[in-house]
């Protein structure tokens, strides 16, 4: 979207103007008749609550808004804020599937590898695009062997951000085919942990053939 059409709502505007400042900004953008991006500079939970109220007010007034946000704000909009931490039951076999490239994911994978040496199985994204069945069978075999040996396997894409030359279509195909490796396993592990938003969605739908889910969390 052209930057000149976009709007930034500062943290001062959020706190001084309240939900009305958010709603009026979004309504004015709709009246301009152009597709544009609006960024709210929220800093804490209270700011997010204000933005949520403003977005809902704008939508009630007829504004069509597509929200792109981190999980905390998505949970707020969906009315799914948790009030307690869930305990994860012990399991004999656990598979971690990671397609995220953010620094936190990299640190988490490094910690897992240190705690469970040899658990990591790296997927070749290029092979998933060009020789999908061969790569899925290769990785599925390695994951299955690792689960049989230690009960823990970590299936992940390489730890580098994809080139800008890689299209969004190809990136989605990699995510879907990564998840499809679960269908190559002779037996599913007791627990599957997905890291990354798109990865989580494709693991559930393409990997586990789920069409609905019950969400609980956060977990420890």
N, C-alpha and C. Protein backbone atom coordinates (compact mmCIF):
# COMPACT_ATOMS: atom_id res chain seq x y z
N UNK A 1 0.84 -1.19 0.00
CA UNK A 1 0.00 0.00 0.00
C UNK A 1 0.88 1.24 0.00
N UNK A 2 0.54 2.28 -0.77
CA UNK A 2 1.35 3.51 -0.76
C UNK A 2 1.42 4.12 0.64
N UNK A 3 2.64 4.43 1.06
CA UNK A 3 2.83 4.96 2.41
C UNK A 3 2.07 6.27 2.62
N UNK A 4 1.93 7.04 1.55
CA UNK A 4 1.29 8.35 1.71
C UNK A 4 -0.19 8.23 2.07
N UNK A 5 -0.78 7.06 1.84
CA UNK A 5 -2.19 6.85 2.19
C UNK A 5 -2.34 6.31 3.62
N UNK A 6 -1.25 5.87 4.20
CA UNK A 6 -1.33 5.23 5.51
C UNK A 6 -1.45 6.22 6.65
N UNK A 7 -1.80 5.69 7.81
CA UNK A 7 -1.92 6.52 9.01
C UNK A 7 -1.25 5.81 10.18
N UNK A 8 -0.65 6.60 11.06
CA UNK A 8 -0.07 6.09 12.29
C UNK A 8 -0.81 6.74 13.46
N UNK A 9 -1.31 5.93 14.36
CA UNK A 9 -1.96 6.44 15.56
C UNK A 9 -0.96 6.31 16.70
N UNK A 10 -0.49 7.43 17.19
CA UNK A 10 0.57 7.41 18.21
C UNK A 10 0.03 6.91 19.54
N UNK A 11 0.95 6.53 20.42
CA UNK A 11 0.54 6.08 21.74
C UNK A 11 -0.13 7.21 22.51
N UNK A 12 0.30 8.45 22.25
CA UNK A 12 -0.36 9.60 22.89
C UNK A 12 -1.81 9.73 22.43
N UNK A 13 -2.05 9.54 21.12
CA UNK A 13 -3.41 9.62 20.60
C UNK A 13 -4.28 8.51 21.17
N UNK A 14 -3.69 7.33 21.32
CA UNK A 14 -4.44 6.20 21.88
C UNK A 14 -4.89 6.53 23.30
N UNK A 15 -3.96 7.07 24.09
CA UNK A 15 -4.26 7.31 25.50
C UNK A 15 -5.10 8.56 25.73
N UNK A 16 -4.89 9.58 24.91
CA UNK A 16 -5.66 10.82 25.08
C UNK A 16 -7.01 10.78 24.37
N UNK A 17 -7.04 10.14 23.21
CA UNK A 17 -8.28 10.13 22.43
C UNK A 17 -9.17 8.94 22.68
N UNK A 18 -8.60 7.87 23.26
CA UNK A 18 -9.40 6.69 23.56
C UNK A 18 -9.88 5.97 22.32
N UNK A 19 -10.83 5.06 22.49
CA UNK A 19 -11.35 4.29 21.36
C UNK A 19 -11.89 5.16 20.22
N UNK A 20 -12.41 6.31 20.57
CA UNK A 20 -12.97 7.19 19.54
C UNK A 20 -11.91 7.64 18.55
N UNK A 21 -10.68 7.88 19.04
CA UNK A 21 -9.60 8.29 18.13
C UNK A 21 -9.29 7.20 17.12
N UNK A 22 -9.33 5.96 17.57
CA UNK A 22 -9.09 4.83 16.67
C UNK A 22 -10.21 4.72 15.65
N UNK A 23 -11.44 4.74 16.15
CA UNK A 23 -12.59 4.57 15.28
C UNK A 23 -12.69 5.68 14.24
N UNK A 24 -12.48 6.93 14.67
CA UNK A 24 -12.59 8.05 13.73
C UNK A 24 -11.49 8.00 12.67
N UNK A 25 -10.30 7.58 13.05
CA UNK A 25 -9.22 7.45 12.08
C UNK A 25 -9.58 6.42 11.02
N UNK A 26 -10.08 5.27 11.46
CA UNK A 26 -10.44 4.21 10.51
C UNK A 26 -11.61 4.63 9.62
N UNK A 27 -12.57 5.34 10.20
CA UNK A 27 -13.71 5.79 9.39
C UNK A 27 -13.28 6.81 8.35
N UNK A 28 -12.35 7.70 8.72
CA UNK A 28 -11.88 8.70 7.75
C UNK A 28 -11.11 8.03 6.61
N UNK A 29 -10.40 6.97 6.93
CA UNK A 29 -9.67 6.24 5.89
C UNK A 29 -10.64 5.54 4.94
N UNK A 30 -11.73 5.01 5.49
CA UNK A 30 -12.75 4.39 4.64
C UNK A 30 -13.39 5.42 3.72
N UNK A 31 -13.66 6.60 4.26
CA UNK A 31 -14.30 7.66 3.47
C UNK A 31 -13.39 8.14 2.34
N UNK A 32 -12.08 7.99 2.52
CA UNK A 32 -11.15 8.40 1.47
C UNK A 32 -11.23 7.48 0.26
N UNK A 33 -11.80 6.29 0.45
CA UNK A 33 -12.03 5.38 -0.67
C UNK A 33 -10.79 4.68 -1.19
N UNK A 34 -9.77 4.60 -0.37
CA UNK A 34 -8.54 3.94 -0.80
C UNK A 34 -8.17 2.83 0.18
N UNK A 35 -7.61 1.75 -0.36
CA UNK A 35 -7.08 0.70 0.50
C UNK A 35 -5.78 1.20 1.12
N UNK A 36 -5.68 1.16 2.42
CA UNK A 36 -4.51 1.72 3.09
C UNK A 36 -4.27 1.00 4.41
N UNK A 37 -3.07 1.19 4.94
CA UNK A 37 -2.69 0.57 6.20
C UNK A 37 -2.70 1.59 7.32
N UNK A 38 -3.13 1.14 8.49
CA UNK A 38 -3.14 1.99 9.68
C UNK A 38 -2.38 1.26 10.78
N UNK A 39 -1.43 1.93 11.40
CA UNK A 39 -0.61 1.33 12.45
C UNK A 39 -0.89 2.04 13.77
N UNK A 40 -1.27 1.26 14.78
CA UNK A 40 -1.50 1.81 16.11
C UNK A 40 -0.29 1.50 16.98
N UNK A 41 0.32 2.54 17.53
CA UNK A 41 1.56 2.39 18.29
C UNK A 41 1.26 2.06 19.76
N UNK A 42 0.65 0.90 19.97
CA UNK A 42 0.30 0.47 21.32
C UNK A 42 1.56 0.01 22.05
N UNK A 43 1.56 0.25 23.37
CA UNK A 43 2.75 -0.05 24.16
C UNK A 43 2.49 -1.10 25.24
N UNK A 44 1.25 -1.18 25.72
CA UNK A 44 0.96 -2.12 26.79
C UNK A 44 -0.45 -2.68 26.64
N UNK A 45 -0.82 -3.52 27.60
CA UNK A 45 -2.12 -4.19 27.54
C UNK A 45 -3.27 -3.19 27.49
N UNK A 46 -3.16 -2.13 28.29
CA UNK A 46 -4.22 -1.12 28.30
C UNK A 46 -4.38 -0.44 26.95
N UNK A 47 -3.26 -0.15 26.30
CA UNK A 47 -3.32 0.46 24.96
C UNK A 47 -4.03 -0.48 23.98
N UNK A 48 -3.70 -1.77 24.07
CA UNK A 48 -4.33 -2.74 23.16
C UNK A 48 -5.83 -2.82 23.40
N UNK A 49 -6.25 -2.74 24.65
CA UNK A 49 -7.69 -2.74 24.94
C UNK A 49 -8.38 -1.55 24.30
N UNK A 50 -7.69 -0.39 24.33
CA UNK A 50 -8.25 0.81 23.71
C UNK A 50 -8.36 0.63 22.20
N UNK A 51 -7.31 0.08 21.59
CA UNK A 51 -7.34 -0.15 20.14
C UNK A 51 -8.44 -1.15 19.78
N UNK A 52 -8.57 -2.18 20.58
CA UNK A 52 -9.62 -3.17 20.33
C UNK A 52 -11.00 -2.52 20.33
N UNK A 53 -11.27 -1.71 21.33
CA UNK A 53 -12.57 -1.04 21.41
C UNK A 53 -12.79 -0.13 20.21
N UNK A 54 -11.73 0.55 19.77
CA UNK A 54 -11.85 1.42 18.61
C UNK A 54 -12.09 0.66 17.33
N UNK A 55 -11.40 -0.45 17.14
CA UNK A 55 -11.60 -1.28 15.94
C UNK A 55 -13.03 -1.81 15.90
N UNK A 56 -13.51 -2.32 17.03
CA UNK A 56 -14.88 -2.85 17.07
C UNK A 56 -15.90 -1.76 16.79
N UNK A 57 -15.65 -0.54 17.31
CA UNK A 57 -16.57 0.57 17.04
C UNK A 57 -16.57 0.94 15.56
N UNK A 58 -15.38 0.93 14.94
CA UNK A 58 -15.29 1.25 13.52
C UNK A 58 -16.00 0.20 12.68
N UNK A 59 -15.83 -1.06 13.04
CA UNK A 59 -16.50 -2.13 12.31
C UNK A 59 -18.01 -2.03 12.45
N UNK A 60 -18.47 -1.65 13.64
CA UNK A 60 -19.91 -1.48 13.85
C UNK A 60 -20.46 -0.33 13.01
N UNK A 61 -19.58 0.61 12.66
CA UNK A 61 -19.99 1.75 11.84
C UNK A 61 -19.85 1.47 10.35
N UNK A 62 -19.47 0.24 10.00
CA UNK A 62 -19.39 -0.13 8.59
C UNK A 62 -18.01 -0.15 7.98
N UNK A 63 -16.97 -0.01 8.79
CA UNK A 63 -15.60 -0.04 8.28
C UNK A 63 -15.16 -1.50 8.13
N UNK A 64 -14.66 -1.84 6.95
CA UNK A 64 -14.11 -3.18 6.72
C UNK A 64 -12.62 -3.14 7.03
N UNK A 65 -12.22 -3.75 8.11
CA UNK A 65 -10.82 -3.73 8.51
C UNK A 65 -10.27 -5.14 8.59
N UNK A 66 -9.11 -5.33 8.00
CA UNK A 66 -8.39 -6.60 8.11
C UNK A 66 -7.27 -6.37 9.11
N UNK A 67 -7.28 -7.11 10.21
CA UNK A 67 -6.32 -6.89 11.28
C UNK A 67 -5.14 -7.85 11.14
N UNK A 68 -3.94 -7.27 11.17
CA UNK A 68 -2.71 -8.07 11.18
C UNK A 68 -2.01 -7.75 12.48
N UNK A 69 -1.93 -8.74 13.36
CA UNK A 69 -1.40 -8.44 14.69
C UNK A 69 -0.76 -9.68 15.31
N UNK A 70 -0.04 -9.44 16.38
CA UNK A 70 0.54 -10.53 17.15
C UNK A 70 -0.56 -11.24 17.95
N UNK A 71 -0.28 -12.44 18.45
CA UNK A 71 -1.30 -13.22 19.16
C UNK A 71 -2.04 -12.51 20.28
N UNK A 72 -1.39 -11.68 21.13
CA UNK A 72 -2.15 -11.05 22.21
C UNK A 72 -3.34 -10.23 21.72
N UNK A 73 -3.13 -9.45 20.64
CA UNK A 73 -4.23 -8.63 20.15
C UNK A 73 -5.28 -9.48 19.43
N UNK A 74 -4.83 -10.51 18.73
CA UNK A 74 -5.78 -11.41 18.09
C UNK A 74 -6.69 -12.06 19.12
N UNK A 75 -6.10 -12.46 20.25
CA UNK A 75 -6.89 -13.07 21.32
C UNK A 75 -7.89 -12.07 21.89
N UNK A 76 -7.46 -10.81 22.01
CA UNK A 76 -8.38 -9.78 22.51
C UNK A 76 -9.58 -9.62 21.59
N UNK A 77 -9.32 -9.51 20.29
CA UNK A 77 -10.40 -9.31 19.34
C UNK A 77 -11.37 -10.49 19.33
N UNK A 78 -10.82 -11.69 19.54
CA UNK A 78 -11.66 -12.89 19.52
C UNK A 78 -12.33 -13.15 20.86
N UNK A 79 -11.99 -12.35 21.88
CA UNK A 79 -12.55 -12.58 23.20
C UNK A 79 -12.05 -13.85 23.85
N UNK A 80 -10.77 -14.17 23.57
CA UNK A 80 -10.20 -15.43 24.07
C UNK A 80 -9.03 -15.20 25.01
N UNK A 81 -9.04 -14.12 25.77
CA UNK A 81 -7.96 -13.88 26.71
C UNK A 81 -8.00 -14.93 27.82
N UNK A 82 -6.89 -15.57 28.05
CA UNK A 82 -6.83 -16.61 29.07
C UNK A 82 -6.67 -16.01 30.46
N UNK A 83 -7.17 -16.70 31.44
CA UNK A 83 -7.04 -16.24 32.82
C UNK A 83 -6.15 -17.16 33.65
N UNK A 84 -5.65 -18.21 33.03
CA UNK A 84 -4.77 -19.10 33.77
C UNK A 84 -3.84 -19.83 32.81
N UNK A 85 -2.74 -20.34 33.34
CA UNK A 85 -1.77 -21.10 32.55
C UNK A 85 -2.13 -22.57 32.64
N UNK A 86 -2.12 -23.24 31.50
CA UNK A 86 -2.44 -24.67 31.45
C UNK A 86 -1.16 -25.49 31.58
N UNK A 87 -1.27 -26.59 32.27
CA UNK A 87 -0.15 -27.52 32.37
C UNK A 87 -0.25 -28.56 31.25
N UNK A 88 0.86 -28.81 30.59
CA UNK A 88 0.88 -29.78 29.51
C UNK A 88 1.13 -31.17 30.10
N UNK A 89 0.30 -32.16 29.75
CA UNK A 89 0.51 -33.50 30.30
C UNK A 89 1.79 -34.13 29.76
N UNK A 90 2.37 -35.02 30.54
CA UNK A 90 3.56 -35.74 30.10
C UNK A 90 3.20 -36.65 28.93
N UNK A 91 4.11 -36.78 27.99
CA UNK A 91 3.87 -37.61 26.82
C UNK A 91 5.10 -38.43 26.49
N UNK A 92 4.88 -39.60 25.93
CA UNK A 92 6.00 -40.48 25.58
C UNK A 92 6.68 -40.06 24.30
N UNK A 93 5.98 -39.34 23.45
CA UNK A 93 6.57 -38.90 22.18
C UNK A 93 6.08 -37.51 21.83
N UNK A 94 7.03 -36.65 21.43
CA UNK A 94 6.72 -35.26 21.12
C UNK A 94 7.42 -34.86 19.82
N UNK A 95 6.67 -34.29 18.90
CA UNK A 95 7.24 -33.76 17.67
C UNK A 95 7.04 -32.26 17.64
N UNK A 96 8.14 -31.53 17.44
CA UNK A 96 8.09 -30.08 17.29
C UNK A 96 8.25 -29.77 15.81
N UNK A 97 7.34 -28.97 15.26
CA UNK A 97 7.41 -28.55 13.86
C UNK A 97 7.59 -27.04 13.83
N UNK A 98 8.69 -26.57 13.25
CA UNK A 98 9.00 -25.13 13.27
C UNK A 98 9.25 -24.61 11.86
N UNK A 99 8.46 -23.62 11.47
CA UNK A 99 8.68 -22.95 10.21
C UNK A 99 8.94 -21.47 10.40
N UNK A 100 9.00 -21.04 11.67
CA UNK A 100 9.22 -19.63 12.00
C UNK A 100 10.70 -19.28 11.89
N UNK A 101 10.97 -18.02 11.46
CA UNK A 101 12.35 -17.56 11.33
C UNK A 101 12.70 -16.45 12.31
N UNK A 102 11.78 -16.12 13.23
CA UNK A 102 12.05 -15.01 14.14
C UNK A 102 13.15 -15.42 15.12
N UNK A 103 13.80 -14.42 15.72
CA UNK A 103 14.95 -14.69 16.57
C UNK A 103 14.57 -15.53 17.79
N UNK A 104 13.37 -15.32 18.32
CA UNK A 104 12.93 -16.11 19.47
C UNK A 104 12.85 -17.59 19.11
N UNK A 105 12.33 -17.89 17.93
CA UNK A 105 12.24 -19.28 17.50
C UNK A 105 13.63 -19.89 17.36
N UNK A 106 14.56 -19.12 16.84
CA UNK A 106 15.93 -19.62 16.71
C UNK A 106 16.54 -19.95 18.06
N UNK A 107 16.30 -19.09 19.05
CA UNK A 107 16.82 -19.35 20.39
C UNK A 107 16.16 -20.57 21.03
N UNK A 108 14.87 -20.70 20.78
CA UNK A 108 14.15 -21.85 21.33
C UNK A 108 14.64 -23.16 20.72
N UNK A 109 14.89 -23.15 19.42
CA UNK A 109 15.40 -24.35 18.76
C UNK A 109 16.80 -24.69 19.24
N UNK A 110 17.61 -23.66 19.44
CA UNK A 110 18.97 -23.90 19.95
C UNK A 110 18.92 -24.53 21.34
N UNK A 111 18.00 -24.06 22.16
CA UNK A 111 17.84 -24.61 23.50
C UNK A 111 17.37 -26.06 23.44
N UNK A 112 16.45 -26.34 22.54
CA UNK A 112 15.97 -27.72 22.37
C UNK A 112 17.09 -28.64 21.92
N UNK A 113 17.88 -28.17 20.97
CA UNK A 113 18.97 -28.98 20.44
C UNK A 113 20.01 -29.28 21.52
N UNK A 114 20.24 -28.30 22.40
CA UNK A 114 21.18 -28.51 23.49
C UNK A 114 20.65 -29.51 24.50
N UNK A 115 19.35 -29.47 24.73
CA UNK A 115 18.74 -30.36 25.72
C UNK A 115 18.53 -31.76 25.16
N UNK A 116 18.23 -31.83 23.85
CA UNK A 116 17.99 -33.12 23.20
C UNK A 116 18.89 -33.23 21.97
N UNK A 117 20.18 -33.52 22.18
CA UNK A 117 21.12 -33.61 21.05
C UNK A 117 20.67 -34.63 20.02
N UNK A 118 20.80 -34.24 18.75
CA UNK A 118 20.44 -35.16 17.67
C UNK A 118 18.97 -35.19 17.34
N UNK A 119 18.17 -34.37 18.03
CA UNK A 119 16.72 -34.42 17.79
C UNK A 119 16.29 -33.66 16.54
N UNK A 120 17.15 -32.74 16.06
CA UNK A 120 16.76 -31.88 14.94
C UNK A 120 16.84 -32.59 13.60
N UNK A 121 15.80 -32.41 12.80
CA UNK A 121 15.75 -32.92 11.43
C UNK A 121 15.45 -31.72 10.54
N UNK A 122 16.41 -31.34 9.68
CA UNK A 122 16.23 -30.15 8.84
C UNK A 122 15.58 -30.53 7.52
N UNK A 123 14.59 -29.75 7.16
CA UNK A 123 13.86 -29.95 5.91
C UNK A 123 14.46 -29.07 4.83
N UNK A 124 14.52 -29.56 3.61
CA UNK A 124 15.03 -28.79 2.47
C UNK A 124 13.84 -28.15 1.75
N UNK A 125 13.62 -26.82 1.91
CA UNK A 125 12.47 -26.16 1.27
C UNK A 125 12.47 -26.32 -0.24
N UNK A 126 13.66 -26.24 -0.85
CA UNK A 126 13.73 -26.39 -2.30
C UNK A 126 13.25 -27.76 -2.75
N UNK A 127 13.63 -28.79 -2.00
CA UNK A 127 13.20 -30.15 -2.34
C UNK A 127 11.69 -30.31 -2.13
N UNK A 128 11.14 -29.61 -1.14
CA UNK A 128 9.69 -29.68 -0.94
C UNK A 128 8.93 -29.08 -2.12
N UNK A 129 9.58 -28.14 -2.81
CA UNK A 129 8.94 -27.54 -3.98
C UNK A 129 9.15 -28.35 -5.25
N UNK A 130 10.31 -28.98 -5.37
CA UNK A 130 10.64 -29.66 -6.63
C UNK A 130 10.45 -31.17 -6.60
N UNK A 131 10.68 -31.79 -5.43
CA UNK A 131 10.57 -33.25 -5.31
C UNK A 131 9.84 -33.56 -4.00
N UNK A 132 8.59 -33.14 -3.93
CA UNK A 132 7.86 -33.14 -2.67
C UNK A 132 7.75 -34.52 -2.05
N UNK A 133 7.37 -35.53 -2.82
CA UNK A 133 7.16 -36.86 -2.24
C UNK A 133 8.45 -37.45 -1.71
N UNK A 134 9.55 -37.28 -2.46
CA UNK A 134 10.84 -37.81 -2.02
C UNK A 134 11.28 -37.14 -0.73
N UNK A 135 11.13 -35.81 -0.65
CA UNK A 135 11.57 -35.08 0.54
C UNK A 135 10.68 -35.41 1.74
N UNK A 136 9.39 -35.53 1.51
CA UNK A 136 8.51 -35.87 2.62
C UNK A 136 8.82 -37.26 3.17
N UNK A 137 9.09 -38.20 2.27
CA UNK A 137 9.42 -39.55 2.72
C UNK A 137 10.76 -39.58 3.44
N UNK A 138 11.73 -38.81 2.93
CA UNK A 138 13.06 -38.77 3.57
C UNK A 138 12.95 -38.22 4.99
N UNK A 139 12.31 -37.06 5.11
CA UNK A 139 12.20 -36.43 6.42
C UNK A 139 11.31 -37.25 7.35
N UNK A 140 10.23 -37.77 6.80
CA UNK A 140 9.33 -38.59 7.62
C UNK A 140 10.05 -39.79 8.21
N UNK A 141 10.95 -40.41 7.43
CA UNK A 141 11.71 -41.54 7.92
C UNK A 141 12.65 -41.15 9.05
N UNK A 142 13.33 -40.01 8.88
CA UNK A 142 14.25 -39.55 9.91
C UNK A 142 13.51 -39.17 11.20
N UNK A 143 12.38 -38.51 11.04
CA UNK A 143 11.59 -38.13 12.21
C UNK A 143 11.08 -39.36 12.94
N UNK A 144 10.58 -40.33 12.18
CA UNK A 144 10.07 -41.56 12.78
C UNK A 144 11.17 -42.29 13.55
N UNK A 145 12.36 -42.36 12.97
CA UNK A 145 13.48 -43.02 13.64
C UNK A 145 13.86 -42.29 14.92
N UNK A 146 13.87 -40.96 14.85
CA UNK A 146 14.25 -40.17 16.02
C UNK A 146 13.22 -40.33 17.14
N UNK A 147 11.95 -40.34 16.79
CA UNK A 147 10.91 -40.53 17.80
C UNK A 147 11.03 -41.91 18.45
N UNK A 148 11.36 -42.91 17.65
CA UNK A 148 11.50 -44.26 18.20
C UNK A 148 12.70 -44.35 19.15
N UNK A 149 13.75 -43.58 18.86
CA UNK A 149 14.96 -43.66 19.69
C UNK A 149 14.83 -42.89 21.00
N UNK A 150 14.35 -41.66 20.92
CA UNK A 150 14.36 -40.81 22.11
C UNK A 150 13.00 -40.26 22.51
N UNK A 151 12.02 -40.36 21.62
CA UNK A 151 10.71 -39.82 21.93
C UNK A 151 10.57 -38.34 21.63
N UNK A 152 11.65 -37.70 21.16
CA UNK A 152 11.61 -36.27 20.84
C UNK A 152 12.23 -36.03 19.47
N UNK A 153 11.51 -35.35 18.60
CA UNK A 153 12.04 -34.98 17.29
C UNK A 153 11.64 -33.54 17.00
N UNK A 154 12.56 -32.81 16.35
CA UNK A 154 12.32 -31.41 16.00
C UNK A 154 12.48 -31.27 14.49
N UNK A 155 11.40 -31.05 13.80
CA UNK A 155 11.41 -30.92 12.34
C UNK A 155 11.33 -29.43 11.99
N UNK A 156 12.37 -28.92 11.34
CA UNK A 156 12.44 -27.47 11.13
C UNK A 156 13.01 -27.13 9.77
N UNK A 157 12.61 -25.96 9.29
CA UNK A 157 13.21 -25.40 8.09
C UNK A 157 14.57 -24.81 8.46
N UNK A 158 15.44 -24.52 7.47
CA UNK A 158 16.75 -23.91 7.78
C UNK A 158 16.57 -22.60 8.53
N UNK A 159 17.54 -22.24 9.35
CA UNK A 159 17.46 -21.06 10.20
C UNK A 159 17.90 -19.78 9.50
N UNK A 160 17.44 -19.56 8.30
CA UNK A 160 17.72 -18.33 7.59
C UNK A 160 16.45 -17.84 6.92
N UNK A 161 16.32 -16.54 6.86
CA UNK A 161 15.14 -15.93 6.26
C UNK A 161 15.14 -16.19 4.75
N UNK A 162 14.00 -16.62 4.19
CA UNK A 162 13.96 -16.88 2.74
C UNK A 162 14.32 -15.64 1.93
N UNK A 163 14.91 -15.86 0.78
CA UNK A 163 15.25 -14.77 -0.13
C UNK A 163 13.99 -14.04 -0.57
N UNK A 164 14.15 -12.75 -0.85
CA UNK A 164 13.01 -11.97 -1.34
C UNK A 164 12.54 -12.46 -2.69
N UNK A 165 13.37 -13.28 -3.34
CA UNK A 165 12.97 -13.84 -4.64
C UNK A 165 11.94 -14.96 -4.49
N UNK A 166 11.79 -15.48 -3.27
CA UNK A 166 10.82 -16.54 -3.02
C UNK A 166 9.43 -15.93 -2.91
N UNK A 167 8.52 -16.41 -3.73
CA UNK A 167 7.17 -15.84 -3.75
C UNK A 167 6.38 -16.28 -2.53
N UNK A 168 5.32 -15.53 -2.22
CA UNK A 168 4.45 -15.90 -1.10
C UNK A 168 3.76 -17.23 -1.37
N UNK A 169 3.49 -17.49 -2.66
CA UNK A 169 2.87 -18.77 -3.03
C UNK A 169 3.80 -19.92 -2.69
N UNK A 170 5.08 -19.78 -3.04
CA UNK A 170 6.05 -20.84 -2.75
C UNK A 170 6.23 -21.02 -1.24
N UNK A 171 6.25 -19.93 -0.51
CA UNK A 171 6.40 -20.01 0.94
C UNK A 171 5.24 -20.78 1.57
N UNK A 172 4.03 -20.50 1.07
CA UNK A 172 2.86 -21.22 1.59
C UNK A 172 2.91 -22.69 1.20
N UNK A 173 3.37 -22.96 -0.02
CA UNK A 173 3.50 -24.35 -0.46
C UNK A 173 4.47 -25.12 0.44
N UNK A 174 5.57 -24.47 0.80
CA UNK A 174 6.53 -25.11 1.69
C UNK A 174 5.88 -25.42 3.03
N UNK A 175 5.12 -24.46 3.56
CA UNK A 175 4.46 -24.66 4.85
C UNK A 175 3.47 -25.83 4.79
N UNK A 176 2.69 -25.87 3.73
CA UNK A 176 1.69 -26.94 3.58
C UNK A 176 2.38 -28.30 3.43
N UNK A 177 3.44 -28.35 2.64
CA UNK A 177 4.13 -29.61 2.41
C UNK A 177 4.97 -30.04 3.61
N UNK A 178 5.46 -29.06 4.37
CA UNK A 178 6.12 -29.37 5.63
C UNK A 178 5.14 -30.08 6.56
N UNK A 179 3.95 -29.51 6.67
CA UNK A 179 2.92 -30.12 7.52
C UNK A 179 2.52 -31.50 7.01
N UNK A 180 2.55 -31.66 5.68
CA UNK A 180 2.16 -32.93 5.08
C UNK A 180 3.06 -34.09 5.46
N UNK A 181 4.25 -33.79 5.97
CA UNK A 181 5.17 -34.85 6.39
C UNK A 181 4.57 -35.66 7.53
N UNK A 182 3.69 -35.04 8.31
CA UNK A 182 3.05 -35.79 9.40
C UNK A 182 2.27 -36.98 8.86
N UNK A 183 1.73 -36.84 7.66
CA UNK A 183 0.95 -37.95 7.08
C UNK A 183 1.84 -39.09 6.60
N UNK A 184 3.15 -38.84 6.54
CA UNK A 184 4.10 -39.88 6.13
C UNK A 184 4.59 -40.71 7.32
N UNK A 185 4.26 -40.29 8.52
CA UNK A 185 4.72 -41.01 9.70
C UNK A 185 3.87 -42.26 9.90
N UNK A 186 4.48 -43.40 10.21
CA UNK A 186 3.70 -44.62 10.44
C UNK A 186 2.78 -44.50 11.63
N UNK A 187 3.16 -43.66 12.59
CA UNK A 187 2.34 -43.43 13.78
C UNK A 187 2.57 -42.01 14.26
N UNK A 188 1.49 -41.29 14.53
CA UNK A 188 1.62 -39.92 15.02
C UNK A 188 2.12 -39.91 16.46
N UNK A 189 2.96 -38.94 16.82
CA UNK A 189 3.38 -38.81 18.21
C UNK A 189 2.20 -38.40 19.08
N UNK A 190 2.37 -38.56 20.39
CA UNK A 190 1.28 -38.21 21.30
C UNK A 190 1.02 -36.70 21.32
N UNK A 191 2.10 -35.92 21.13
CA UNK A 191 1.98 -34.46 21.17
C UNK A 191 2.70 -33.87 19.96
N UNK A 192 2.05 -32.93 19.28
CA UNK A 192 2.67 -32.18 18.18
C UNK A 192 2.67 -30.71 18.57
N UNK A 193 3.85 -30.11 18.57
CA UNK A 193 3.99 -28.68 18.91
C UNK A 193 4.39 -27.94 17.64
N UNK A 194 3.60 -26.96 17.24
CA UNK A 194 3.89 -26.18 16.04
C UNK A 194 4.35 -24.79 16.44
N UNK A 195 5.42 -24.32 15.83
CA UNK A 195 5.95 -22.99 16.10
C UNK A 195 5.84 -22.14 14.84
N UNK A 196 5.10 -21.02 14.95
CA UNK A 196 4.88 -20.15 13.80
C UNK A 196 3.40 -20.13 13.45
N UNK A 197 2.89 -18.97 13.10
CA UNK A 197 1.47 -18.84 12.82
C UNK A 197 0.99 -19.67 11.64
N UNK A 198 1.64 -19.51 10.49
CA UNK A 198 1.25 -20.28 9.30
C UNK A 198 1.53 -21.75 9.53
N UNK A 199 2.67 -22.04 10.17
CA UNK A 199 3.02 -23.43 10.46
C UNK A 199 1.94 -24.09 11.32
N UNK A 200 1.48 -23.40 12.34
CA UNK A 200 0.45 -23.95 13.22
C UNK A 200 -0.83 -24.25 12.45
N UNK A 201 -1.22 -23.32 11.58
CA UNK A 201 -2.44 -23.50 10.80
C UNK A 201 -2.33 -24.69 9.84
N UNK A 202 -1.19 -24.78 9.16
CA UNK A 202 -1.05 -25.86 8.18
C UNK A 202 -0.82 -27.22 8.84
N UNK A 203 -0.15 -27.23 9.99
CA UNK A 203 0.01 -28.50 10.72
C UNK A 203 -1.36 -29.04 11.12
N UNK A 204 -2.22 -28.15 11.59
CA UNK A 204 -3.56 -28.59 12.00
C UNK A 204 -4.38 -29.07 10.80
N UNK A 205 -4.38 -28.27 9.74
CA UNK A 205 -5.26 -28.58 8.60
C UNK A 205 -4.66 -29.60 7.65
N UNK A 206 -3.45 -29.34 7.17
CA UNK A 206 -2.83 -30.22 6.17
C UNK A 206 -2.14 -31.43 6.80
N UNK A 207 -1.65 -31.27 8.02
CA UNK A 207 -0.93 -32.36 8.67
C UNK A 207 -1.82 -33.29 9.45
N UNK A 208 -2.76 -32.73 10.20
CA UNK A 208 -3.64 -33.53 11.06
C UNK A 208 -5.06 -33.64 10.53
N UNK A 209 -5.32 -33.00 9.38
CA UNK A 209 -6.65 -33.03 8.75
C UNK A 209 -7.75 -32.53 9.68
N UNK A 210 -7.42 -31.55 10.51
CA UNK A 210 -8.41 -30.99 11.43
C UNK A 210 -9.19 -29.88 10.75
N UNK A 211 -10.48 -29.81 11.00
CA UNK A 211 -11.28 -28.70 10.48
C UNK A 211 -11.82 -27.82 11.61
N UNK A 212 -11.53 -28.20 12.85
CA UNK A 212 -11.86 -27.38 13.99
C UNK A 212 -10.93 -27.75 15.13
N UNK A 213 -10.84 -26.88 16.12
CA UNK A 213 -9.93 -27.14 17.24
C UNK A 213 -10.43 -26.42 18.49
N UNK A 214 -10.05 -26.97 19.65
CA UNK A 214 -10.32 -26.32 20.91
C UNK A 214 -9.02 -25.71 21.40
N UNK A 215 -9.03 -24.42 21.63
CA UNK A 215 -7.80 -23.72 21.98
C UNK A 215 -7.74 -23.51 23.49
N UNK A 216 -6.63 -23.93 24.09
CA UNK A 216 -6.37 -23.67 25.49
C UNK A 216 -4.94 -23.17 25.63
N UNK A 217 -4.71 -22.33 26.61
CA UNK A 217 -3.37 -21.84 26.81
C UNK A 217 -3.38 -20.48 27.48
N UNK A 218 -2.21 -19.88 27.70
CA UNK A 218 -0.90 -20.43 27.36
C UNK A 218 -0.56 -21.65 28.21
N UNK A 219 0.46 -22.39 27.73
CA UNK A 219 0.83 -23.61 28.42
C UNK A 219 2.25 -23.50 28.95
N UNK A 220 2.55 -24.30 29.95
CA UNK A 220 3.91 -24.34 30.48
C UNK A 220 4.36 -25.80 30.61
